[in-house]
Amino acid sequence: MDETKNNSTLEQQKIEKELQELKNQYSSLMKEFKSLKEKDDQLNKLKDSMMSSQREFTEMNKSLQEITSKLNMMSERERKSMKNRGNILRRTAIKTVGSVLMVTDAAIKHVSMAKEGIEDIVAEAQYENNRRRRHDPEYSE
């Protein structure tokens, strides 16, 4: 009778331990999920920002096409006087392209971080699953 009671107590302790491990894993996963959700929100904001930038660049492209068309119609003398103004336009274009590259780099960084977070979660879950299988006689059949 005492042996049955001890076995029952041991089984209950084992179940409680497993339940606690599951609670800890759940808590950890929820933290990771919240973190991923926040990163997803950041990525969506970045995406919106990039879409807005794309619209602005489209407008700039139209303006540049209009300017190019007008420049092609100018006389040689008018073109020379516009050369100095062109340098200003060139510097502006360089700064604009530099900004686009910065936004692109930031987007790549955020996507990479989100990917690493997901890979970490999967690896940790696989590790926990393998560890549980090695230590649990039910899995060693």
Protein backbone atom coordinates (compact mmCIF):
# COMPACT_ATOMS: atom_id res chain seq x y z
CA MET A 1 0.00 0.00 0.00
CA ASP A 2 2.80 2.42 0.93
CA GLU A 3 4.62 1.51 -2.27
CA THR A 4 1.53 2.35 -4.32
CA LYS A 5 1.19 5.63 -2.45
CA ASN A 6 4.88 6.43 -3.04
CA ASN A 7 4.53 5.59 -6.74
CA SER A 8 1.47 7.79 -6.93
CA THR A 9 3.29 10.61 -5.14
CA LEU A 10 6.31 10.26 -7.42
CA GLU A 11 4.05 10.24 -10.47
CA GLN A 12 2.24 13.32 -9.19
CA GLN A 13 5.58 15.09 -8.57
CA LYS A 14 6.71 14.16 -12.06
CA ILE A 15 3.50 15.56 -13.54
CA GLU A 16 3.84 18.75 -11.47
CA LYS A 17 7.42 19.15 -12.65
CA GLU A 18 6.39 18.68 -16.27
CA LEU A 19 3.54 21.13 -15.79
CA GLN A 20 5.92 23.69 -14.33
CA GLU A 21 8.30 23.17 -17.29
CA LEU A 22 5.39 23.66 -19.68
CA LYS A 23 4.37 26.84 -17.84
CA ASN A 24 7.93 28.14 -18.09
CA GLN A 25 8.11 27.28 -21.77
CA TYR A 26 4.74 28.91 -22.37
CA SER A 27 5.87 32.02 -20.54
CA SER A 28 9.08 32.11 -22.55
CA LEU A 29 7.21 31.63 -25.81
CA MET A 30 4.76 34.38 -24.93
CA LYS A 31 7.65 36.76 -24.27
CA GLU A 32 9.21 35.82 -27.60
CA PHE A 33 5.85 36.18 -29.32
CA LYS A 34 5.39 39.64 -27.83
CA SER A 35 8.88 40.59 -28.96
CA LEU A 36 8.19 39.28 -32.46
CA LYS A 37 4.88 41.17 -32.52
CA GLU A 38 6.70 44.38 -31.60
CA LYS A 39 9.29 43.71 -34.32
CA ASP A 40 6.48 43.02 -36.77
CA ASP A 41 4.88 46.34 -35.85
CA GLN A 42 8.23 48.06 -36.39
CA LEU A 43 8.60 46.35 -39.75
CA ASN A 44 5.10 47.47 -40.74
CA LYS A 45 5.94 51.05 -39.79
CA LEU A 46 9.16 50.78 -41.77
CA LYS A 47 7.24 49.35 -44.71
CA ASP A 48 4.78 52.26 -44.56
CA SER A 49 7.68 54.67 -44.40
CA MET A 50 9.31 53.01 -47.39
CA MET A 51 6.05 53.14 -49.35
CA SER A 52 5.76 56.84 -48.55
CA SER A 53 9.35 57.36 -49.66
CA GLN A 54 8.64 55.44 -52.84
CA ARG A 55 5.70 57.74 -53.61
CA GLU A 56 7.90 60.76 -52.97
CA PHE A 57 10.62 59.34 -55.22
CA THR A 58 8.06 58.73 -57.94
CA GLU A 59 7.05 62.38 -57.73
CA MET A 60 10.70 63.42 -57.77
CA ASN A 61 11.27 61.24 -60.82
CA LYS A 62 8.42 62.96 -62.65
CA SER A 63 9.86 66.34 -61.73
CA LEU A 64 13.31 65.28 -62.90
CA GLN A 65 11.87 64.11 -66.20
CA GLU A 66 10.20 67.48 -66.67
CA ILE A 67 13.45 69.27 -65.86
CA THR A 68 15.39 67.06 -68.27
CA SER A 69 12.87 67.73 -71.00
CA LYS A 70 13.17 71.50 -70.45
CA LEU A 71 16.98 71.29 -70.38
CA ASN A 72 16.99 69.49 -73.70
CA MET A 73 15.09 72.39 -75.23
CA MET A 74 17.47 75.08 -73.92
CA SER A 75 20.17 76.77 -75.94
CA GLU A 76 23.88 76.12 -75.26
CA ARG A 77 24.26 79.40 -73.39
CA GLU A 78 21.30 78.67 -71.19
CA ARG A 79 22.71 75.19 -70.47
CA LYS A 80 26.03 76.64 -69.30
CA SER A 81 24.29 78.99 -66.92
CA MET A 82 22.25 76.07 -65.62
CA LYS A 83 25.37 73.95 -65.01
CA ASN A 84 25.89 75.50 -61.58
CA ARG A 85 22.28 74.85 -60.71
CA GLY A 86 22.76 71.28 -61.90
CA ASN A 87 25.50 70.78 -59.35
CA ILE A 88 23.01 71.65 -56.63
CA LEU A 89 20.53 69.21 -58.11
CA ARG A 90 23.24 66.54 -58.26
CA ARG A 91 24.12 67.01 -54.60
CA THR A 92 20.44 66.79 -53.71
CA ALA A 93 20.08 63.58 -55.71
CA ILE A 94 23.15 62.09 -54.00
CA LYS A 95 21.72 62.88 -50.56
CA THR A 96 18.36 61.44 -51.56
CA VAL A 97 19.87 58.19 -52.82
CA GLY A 98 21.96 58.01 -49.64
CA SER A 99 18.77 58.29 -47.57
CA VAL A 100 17.15 55.51 -49.57
CA LEU A 101 20.17 53.30 -48.94
CA MET A 102 19.98 54.02 -45.20
CA VAL A 103 16.29 53.05 -45.10
CA THR A 104 17.06 49.89 -47.06
CA ASP A 105 19.87 48.96 -44.67
CA ALA A 106 17.59 49.51 -41.68
CA ALA A 107 14.88 47.34 -43.24
CA ILE A 108 17.36 44.55 -43.92
CA LYS A 109 18.63 44.78 -40.33
CA HIS A 110 15.11 44.53 -38.84
CA VAL A 111 14.14 41.60 -41.05
CA SER A 112 17.38 39.84 -40.16
CA MET A 113 16.75 40.37 -36.45
CA ALA A 114 13.21 39.00 -36.73
CA LYS A 115 14.50 35.97 -38.63
CA GLU A 116 17.14 35.31 -35.96
CA GLY A 117 14.49 35.55 -33.24
CA ILE A 118 12.33 32.96 -34.96
CA GLU A 119 15.32 30.68 -35.54
CA ASP A 120 16.23 30.96 -31.84
CA ILE A 121 12.70 30.00 -30.79
CA VAL A 122 12.68 26.96 -33.09
CA ALA A 123 16.13 25.84 -31.91
CA GLU A 124 15.18 26.23 -28.27
CA ALA A 125 11.94 24.30 -28.76
CA GLN A 126 13.80 21.51 -30.55
CA TYR A 127 16.39 21.37 -27.78
CA GLU A 128 13.72 21.19 -25.07
CA ASN A 129 11.84 18.51 -26.98
CA ASN A 130 14.97 16.40 -27.47
CA ARG A 131 15.97 16.83 -23.82
CA ARG A 132 12.53 15.75 -22.65
CA ARG A 133 12.65 12.69 -24.90
CA ARG A 134 16.03 11.63 -23.51
CA HIS A 135 14.91 11.91 -19.88
CA ASP A 136 11.36 10.59 -20.18
CA PRO A 137 11.00 6.78 -20.29
CA GLU A 138 7.73 7.08 -22.24
CA TYR A 139 9.64 8.51 -25.24
CA SER A 140 12.45 5.93 -25.19
CA GLU A 141 10.34 3.06 -26.52
